[in-house]
């Protein structure tokens, strides 16, 4: 799978980040919360990211950058 960084909260490798893949999907890097109370299948997970990261992605795609 080819992964391309779209937007991040910093330039380091361990910050919340959204990536595009060559499969037409997105990968989201963020914190793994343990106190969410959600019931999820064992093959799925949730990550927590700053809302600003999603807003930055929308702004970036809107401006075509």
Protein backbone atom coordinates (compact mmCIF):
# COMPACT_ATOMS: atom_id res chain seq x y z
CA UNK A 1 0.00 0.00 0.00
CA UNK A 2 1.32 3.46 -0.91
CA UNK A 3 0.65 6.08 1.78
CA UNK A 4 0.81 9.87 1.32
CA UNK A 5 0.61 12.34 4.22
CA UNK A 6 -2.23 14.80 3.67
CA UNK A 7 -2.28 16.87 6.84
CA UNK A 8 -0.74 16.71 10.32
CA UNK A 9 -0.66 18.68 13.54
CA UNK A 10 3.15 18.81 13.40
CA UNK A 11 6.17 17.72 11.37
CA UNK A 12 7.12 14.85 13.69
CA UNK A 13 6.15 11.22 13.08
CA UNK A 14 4.13 10.80 16.28
CA UNK A 15 1.43 13.46 15.86
CA UNK A 16 -2.19 13.09 14.75
CA UNK A 17 -2.05 12.78 10.96
CA UNK A 18 -4.35 11.89 8.06
CA UNK A 19 -2.91 9.92 5.15
CA UNK A 20 -4.31 8.96 1.73
CA UNK A 21 -3.67 5.50 0.30
CA UNK A 22 -3.46 4.23 -3.25
CA UNK A 23 -6.56 2.16 -2.41
CA UNK A 24 -8.76 5.27 -2.30
CA UNK A 25 -8.94 5.17 1.51
CA UNK A 26 -7.71 7.30 4.40
CA UNK A 27 -5.54 6.29 7.34
CA UNK A 28 -5.90 8.26 10.57
CA UNK A 29 -3.13 8.38 13.16
CA UNK A 30 -4.10 9.51 16.64
CA UNK A 31 -4.39 8.56 20.29
CA UNK A 32 -6.17 5.31 21.18
CA UNK A 33 -8.73 6.25 23.82
CA UNK A 34 -9.74 3.62 26.37
CA UNK A 35 -12.63 5.41 28.06
CA UNK A 36 -15.03 5.74 25.10
CA UNK A 37 -17.49 3.03 26.21
CA UNK A 38 -18.15 1.91 22.62
CA UNK A 39 -18.74 -1.74 21.71
CA UNK A 40 -16.64 -2.57 18.68
CA UNK A 41 -15.63 -5.73 16.82
CA UNK A 42 -12.12 -6.97 17.56
CA UNK A 43 -10.96 -6.12 14.01
CA UNK A 44 -11.84 -2.40 14.41
CA UNK A 45 -10.49 0.43 16.55
CA UNK A 46 -11.07 4.12 17.14
CA UNK A 47 -8.54 6.91 17.29
CA UNK A 48 -8.95 10.37 18.74
CA UNK A 49 -7.72 13.36 16.74
CA UNK A 50 -8.05 17.12 17.19
CA UNK A 51 -11.06 18.59 15.38
CA UNK A 52 -8.65 21.14 13.89
CA UNK A 53 -6.97 18.32 11.96
CA UNK A 54 -10.20 17.59 10.05
CA UNK A 55 -10.77 21.30 9.46
CA UNK A 56 -7.23 21.61 8.07
CA UNK A 57 -7.90 18.71 5.71
CA UNK A 58 -11.10 20.36 4.44
CA UNK A 59 -9.33 23.69 3.97
CA UNK A 60 -6.45 22.00 2.16
CA UNK A 61 -8.75 20.08 -0.21
CA UNK A 62 -10.90 23.14 -0.81
CA UNK A 63 -7.82 25.14 -1.87
CA UNK A 64 -6.50 22.27 -3.98
CA UNK A 65 -3.18 22.19 -2.15
